[in-house]
C-alpha cells in the first residue's frame, strides 16, 4: 500500500511577470554586486571632481547603492527555494516534510510546509535596511539640491 503526499506550489503574480521576476532573481547574485561596485566607483570619481551641484549627486549614488543592496538581498531570498527540482524533492532534501512550498514576496519567505523556512534570517533585515538607506539618501539629495539652488 503506497501513500502519496499532495504537493502544492503557490506563487504570486502572473506568468509573464513571474518569468521576468525569475530572470531578475537569477541574475541578482551577479548583477547586484556589479552595480554596487559601479556606484562606488562613481561616488569616488564624483567626490574627487566635486560637481557644481554639491553633495546631491553623491547622495543619489548612495541611494542607488542602497537599492543595489536591497536587490541583492531580495534575489538571494527568492533563490532560496527550489529552482530546478520539484517541491517534493527539494523539501525532502532539506529535511522538511514535502507538504508544499509557499512563497511570499515581502517579507521574503519560502516555506516547506508550516515550519520549514528556507530564506536565511539576514535577508529581510538587509532588504529593509537597503530600502531605508535608499529613501533617506534620496530625501537628503533633494534637500541638498534645494539648498544649493537657493544659495545661488
Protein backbone atom coordinates (compact mmCIF):
# COMPACT_ATOMS: atom_id res chain seq x y z
CA UNK A 1 0.00 0.00 0.00
CA UNK A 2 1.61 3.29 -1.08
CA UNK A 3 0.74 6.65 0.28
CA UNK A 4 1.27 9.80 -1.71
CA UNK A 5 1.72 13.26 -0.35
CA UNK A 6 0.00 16.13 -2.08
CA UNK A 7 2.35 18.91 -3.07
CA UNK A 8 1.00 22.39 -3.60
CA UNK A 9 3.16 25.01 -5.19
CA UNK A 10 1.99 28.57 -4.89
CA UNK A 11 3.45 31.70 -6.38
CA UNK A 12 2.23 35.23 -6.69
CA UNK A 13 1.93 37.16 -9.93
CA UNK A 14 1.07 36.27 -13.47
CA UNK A 15 3.07 34.05 -15.80
CA UNK A 16 4.84 36.88 -17.65
CA UNK A 17 5.67 38.81 -14.50
CA UNK A 18 6.84 35.59 -12.88
CA UNK A 19 9.22 34.93 -15.76
CA UNK A 20 10.70 38.41 -15.55
CA UNK A 21 10.99 38.14 -11.77
CA UNK A 22 12.67 34.74 -12.07
CA UNK A 23 15.16 36.18 -14.55
CA UNK A 24 15.94 39.12 -12.27
CA UNK A 25 16.27 36.79 -9.29
CA UNK A 26 18.66 34.52 -11.19
CA UNK A 27 20.82 37.47 -12.22
CA UNK A 28 20.66 39.13 -8.79
CA UNK A 29 23.62 37.46 -7.11
CA UNK A 30 25.85 38.56 -10.03
CA UNK A 31 24.18 41.80 -11.09
CA UNK A 32 23.76 43.41 -7.64
CA UNK A 33 27.48 43.35 -6.67
CA UNK A 34 28.44 44.60 -10.14
CA UNK A 35 26.01 47.52 -9.86
CA UNK A 36 27.19 48.21 -6.31
CA UNK A 37 30.80 48.37 -7.48
CA UNK A 38 29.85 50.63 -10.37
CA UNK A 39 28.07 53.03 -7.99
CA UNK A 40 31.03 53.00 -5.60
CA UNK A 41 33.45 53.89 -8.40
CA UNK A 42 31.08 56.65 -9.48
CA UNK A 43 30.99 58.02 -5.93
CA UNK A 44 34.77 58.10 -5.68
CA UNK A 45 35.11 59.85 -9.04
CA UNK A 46 32.35 62.35 -8.25
CA UNK A 47 33.86 63.12 -4.85
CA UNK A 48 37.20 63.82 -6.48
CA UNK A 49 35.75 66.04 -9.23
CA UNK A 50 33.36 67.92 -6.88
CA UNK A 51 30.44 68.65 -9.21
CA UNK A 52 28.79 72.10 -9.12
CA UNK A 53 25.58 70.81 -7.53
CA UNK A 54 27.39 69.82 -4.34
CA UNK A 55 26.61 66.64 -2.48
CA UNK A 56 23.26 65.91 -4.16
CA UNK A 57 24.90 63.72 -6.81
CA UNK A 58 26.78 61.75 -4.18
CA UNK A 59 23.60 61.20 -2.21
CA UNK A 60 21.77 59.98 -5.32
CA UNK A 61 24.59 57.49 -5.90
CA UNK A 62 24.34 56.41 -2.26
CA UNK A 63 20.62 55.89 -2.82
CA UNK A 64 21.41 53.69 -5.82
CA UNK A 65 23.84 51.71 -3.68
CA UNK A 66 21.08 51.12 -1.13
CA UNK A 67 18.83 49.86 -3.93
CA UNK A 68 21.59 47.50 -5.12
CA UNK A 69 21.97 46.07 -1.60
CA UNK A 70 18.20 45.59 -1.33
CA UNK A 71 18.08 43.96 -4.77
CA UNK A 72 20.89 41.55 -3.86
CA UNK A 73 19.16 40.54 -0.62
CA UNK A 74 15.78 40.17 -2.37
CA UNK A 75 17.18 37.97 -5.13
CA UNK A 76 19.09 35.86 -2.62
CA UNK A 77 15.87 35.30 -0.69
CA UNK A 78 13.92 34.34 -3.79
CA UNK A 79 16.64 31.93 -4.89
CA UNK A 80 16.38 30.07 -1.56
CA UNK A 81 13.56 27.94 -2.94
CA UNK A 82 13.56 25.15 -5.49
CA UNK A 83 14.80 26.22 -8.89
CA UNK A 84 15.33 23.04 -10.89
CA UNK A 85 13.97 20.39 -8.50
CA UNK A 86 10.37 19.61 -7.76
CA UNK A 87 8.99 20.91 -4.49
CA UNK A 88 8.76 17.42 -3.01
CA UNK A 89 12.40 16.57 -3.80
CA UNK A 90 13.67 19.95 -2.59
CA UNK A 91 11.83 19.88 0.74
CA UNK A 92 12.82 16.25 1.28
CA UNK A 93 16.48 17.06 0.58
CA UNK A 94 16.33 19.87 3.16
CA UNK A 95 14.80 17.56 5.77
CA UNK A 96 11.31 19.07 5.80
CA UNK A 97 8.04 17.28 5.12
CA UNK A 98 7.05 17.59 1.48
CA UNK A 99 3.60 19.03 2.05
CA UNK A 100 4.03 22.06 -0.19
CA UNK A 101 6.00 25.17 -0.85
CA UNK A 102 4.62 28.64 -0.31
CA UNK A 103 6.33 31.80 -1.48
CA UNK A 104 5.79 35.34 -0.24
CA UNK A 105 7.40 38.40 -1.82
CA UNK A 106 7.56 40.77 1.17
CA UNK A 107 8.83 39.94 3.65
CA UNK A 108 10.63 37.38 1.51
CA UNK A 109 9.62 33.91 2.59
CA UNK A 110 9.93 30.46 1.02
CA UNK A 111 8.49 27.72 3.20
CA UNK A 112 8.38 23.93 3.03
CA UNK A 113 5.27 23.17 5.00
CA UNK A 114 4.37 25.20 8.07
CA UNK A 115 7.78 25.17 9.80
CA UNK A 116 10.42 24.94 7.09
CA UNK A 117 11.65 28.47 6.36
CA UNK A 118 14.28 28.33 3.61
CA UNK A 119 15.21 32.03 3.40
CA UNK A 120 18.27 32.95 5.51
CA UNK A 121 17.46 35.10 8.54
CA UNK A 122 19.64 38.03 7.38
CA UNK A 123 17.78 38.59 4.08
CA UNK A 124 14.77 40.61 5.27
CA UNK A 125 16.70 43.00 7.60
CA UNK A 126 19.24 43.71 4.85
CA UNK A 127 16.42 44.23 2.34
CA UNK A 128 14.63 46.72 4.60
CA UNK A 129 17.92 48.43 5.53
CA UNK A 130 18.83 48.90 1.88
CA UNK A 131 15.41 50.37 1.10
CA UNK A 132 15.58 52.72 4.11
CA UNK A 133 19.07 53.84 3.09
CA UNK A 134 17.87 54.46 -0.47
CA UNK A 135 14.89 56.55 0.65
CA UNK A 136 16.87 58.51 3.25
CA UNK A 137 19.68 59.30 0.81
CA UNK A 138 17.21 60.30 -1.89
CA UNK A 139 15.45 62.65 0.55
CA UNK A 140 18.78 64.12 1.63
CA UNK A 141 19.72 64.59 -2.04
CA UNK A 142 16.51 66.54 -2.63
CA UNK A 143 17.24 68.77 0.36
CA UNK A 144 20.86 69.31 -0.79
CA UNK A 145 19.74 70.21 -4.31
CA UNK A 146 17.15 72.64 -2.94
CA UNK A 147 19.71 74.32 -0.68
CA UNK A 148 22.31 74.62 -3.43
CA UNK A 149 19.79 76.29 -5.76
CA UNK A 150 18.58 78.61 -3.02
CA UNK A 151 22.14 79.76 -2.21
CA UNK A 152 22.96 80.75 -5.80
